[in-house]
């Protein structure tokens, strides 16, 4: 039901070298999380409905946020995350590129559509 974001990113050597296990669901990193890190959450999930049977595929849109203390580091993390996820999902947007006012961290948001077989 949920795309395997944590496993996909953790199992990618380039992403793991940058953030280790710092990959957090629900769009929220814990207070005091070691930087850099990645957060992610589901934007929407739509079943691939059929007239003759129950859906066997869901189209899940996910937002993945790459957070880093430097602009260059954020770009490197973003490329690594994109390259890790794109073999499994379609990147559809980069809706946010900013420096967070409160944390002073640089952030890029990537949005993906992940077609997930319900039997997975």
Protein backbone atom coordinates (compact mmCIF):
# COMPACT_ATOMS: atom_id res chain seq x y z
CA UNK A 1 0.00 0.00 0.00
CA UNK A 2 2.89 2.39 0.65
CA UNK A 3 5.73 2.82 -1.80
CA UNK A 4 9.04 1.49 -0.44
CA UNK A 5 10.68 4.91 -0.15
CA UNK A 6 12.80 4.19 2.92
CA UNK A 7 14.13 0.92 1.51
CA UNK A 8 14.77 2.41 -1.93
CA UNK A 9 16.75 5.34 -0.56
CA UNK A 10 18.55 3.42 2.19
CA UNK A 11 19.65 0.73 -0.27
CA UNK A 12 21.13 3.33 -2.63
CA UNK A 13 24.83 3.74 -1.83
CA UNK A 14 24.99 7.39 -2.93
CA UNK A 15 21.97 8.46 -0.84
CA UNK A 16 23.09 6.38 2.14
CA UNK A 17 26.55 7.96 2.02
CA UNK A 18 24.95 11.41 2.41
CA UNK A 19 22.11 10.83 4.90
CA UNK A 20 22.57 7.33 6.34
CA UNK A 21 19.25 6.34 7.94
CA UNK A 22 18.06 9.97 7.97
CA UNK A 23 14.96 9.24 5.88
CA UNK A 24 11.72 10.20 7.65
CA UNK A 25 8.05 9.60 6.77
CA UNK A 26 5.09 11.93 7.15
CA UNK A 27 7.13 14.93 5.94
CA UNK A 28 8.63 15.46 9.38
CA UNK A 29 12.10 14.85 10.81
CA UNK A 30 12.40 14.46 14.57
CA UNK A 31 13.65 17.38 16.64
CA UNK A 32 17.44 17.38 16.62
CA UNK A 33 17.75 15.02 13.64
CA UNK A 34 21.25 14.89 12.23
CA UNK A 35 21.56 16.93 9.06
CA UNK A 36 21.34 16.38 6.12
CA UNK A 37 18.20 14.28 5.85
CA UNK A 38 15.26 13.40 3.63
CA UNK A 39 11.55 13.61 4.48
CA UNK A 40 8.69 12.23 2.44
CA UNK A 41 4.92 11.94 2.48
CA UNK A 42 2.04 10.86 0.31
CA UNK A 43 0.34 13.67 -1.59
CA UNK A 44 -2.43 11.49 -3.00
CA UNK A 45 -3.27 7.89 -3.80
CA UNK A 46 -5.69 6.90 -6.54
CA UNK A 47 -6.69 3.32 -7.34
CA UNK A 48 -6.62 2.19 -10.97
CA UNK A 49 -10.32 1.33 -10.99
CA UNK A 50 -11.76 -1.30 -13.31
CA UNK A 51 -15.34 -2.08 -14.19
CA UNK A 52 -14.97 -5.85 -13.92
CA UNK A 53 -12.83 -6.26 -10.81
CA UNK A 54 -11.27 -4.53 -7.82
CA UNK A 55 -8.23 -2.38 -8.60
CA UNK A 56 -4.88 -4.14 -8.63
CA UNK A 57 -2.72 -1.01 -8.98
CA UNK A 58 -2.60 2.29 -7.09
CA UNK A 59 -1.09 5.50 -8.42
CA UNK A 60 0.59 7.08 -5.41
CA UNK A 61 1.95 10.62 -5.65
CA UNK A 62 4.73 11.24 -3.17
CA UNK A 63 6.64 14.32 -2.17
CA UNK A 64 10.29 13.87 -1.22
CA UNK A 65 12.11 16.77 0.45
CA UNK A 66 15.91 16.94 0.45
CA UNK A 67 17.31 19.02 3.34
CA UNK A 68 20.95 20.10 3.62
CA UNK A 69 23.05 22.74 5.38
CA UNK A 70 24.61 23.92 2.10
CA UNK A 71 23.20 24.71 -1.32
CA UNK A 72 25.77 22.51 -3.07
CA UNK A 73 25.11 19.65 -0.65
CA UNK A 74 21.38 19.96 -1.25
CA UNK A 75 21.92 19.70 -5.02
CA UNK A 76 24.08 16.60 -4.62
CA UNK A 77 21.53 14.99 -2.30
CA UNK A 78 18.69 15.87 -4.67
CA UNK A 79 20.46 14.27 -7.63
CA UNK A 80 21.17 11.13 -5.61
CA UNK A 81 17.53 10.88 -4.45
CA UNK A 82 16.21 11.46 -7.97
CA UNK A 83 18.52 8.82 -9.42
CA UNK A 84 17.54 6.32 -6.71
CA UNK A 85 13.77 6.70 -7.17
CA UNK A 86 13.42 7.22 -10.94
CA UNK A 87 13.96 3.54 -11.85
CA UNK A 88 10.73 2.83 -9.92
CA UNK A 89 8.62 5.99 -10.28
CA UNK A 90 8.11 8.96 -12.59
CA UNK A 91 9.36 12.33 -11.39
CA UNK A 92 6.60 14.82 -12.24
CA UNK A 93 7.59 18.10 -10.57
CA UNK A 94 10.04 20.15 -8.54
CA UNK A 95 7.53 22.41 -6.78
CA UNK A 96 9.79 23.83 -4.05
CA UNK A 97 13.36 25.14 -4.05
CA UNK A 98 14.04 27.33 -1.04
CA UNK A 99 15.96 28.01 2.12
CA UNK A 100 13.82 27.36 5.16
CA UNK A 101 13.38 30.48 7.30
CA UNK A 102 13.44 28.73 10.67
CA UNK A 103 16.03 25.98 10.20
CA UNK A 104 18.19 27.81 7.64
CA UNK A 105 18.40 24.51 5.75
CA UNK A 106 18.31 24.40 1.96
CA UNK A 107 15.44 22.37 0.55
CA UNK A 108 14.35 21.00 -2.79
CA UNK A 109 11.11 19.09 -3.16
CA UNK A 110 10.72 16.36 -5.74
CA UNK A 111 7.32 14.93 -6.60
CA UNK A 112 6.94 11.43 -8.02
CA UNK A 113 4.11 9.24 -9.28
CA UNK A 114 4.66 5.66 -8.14
CA UNK A 115 2.46 2.94 -9.66
CA UNK A 116 2.29 0.26 -7.02
CA UNK A 117 0.95 -3.25 -7.51
CA UNK A 118 -1.40 -4.02 -4.64
CA UNK A 119 0.06 -7.50 -4.29
CA UNK A 120 3.48 -6.04 -3.41
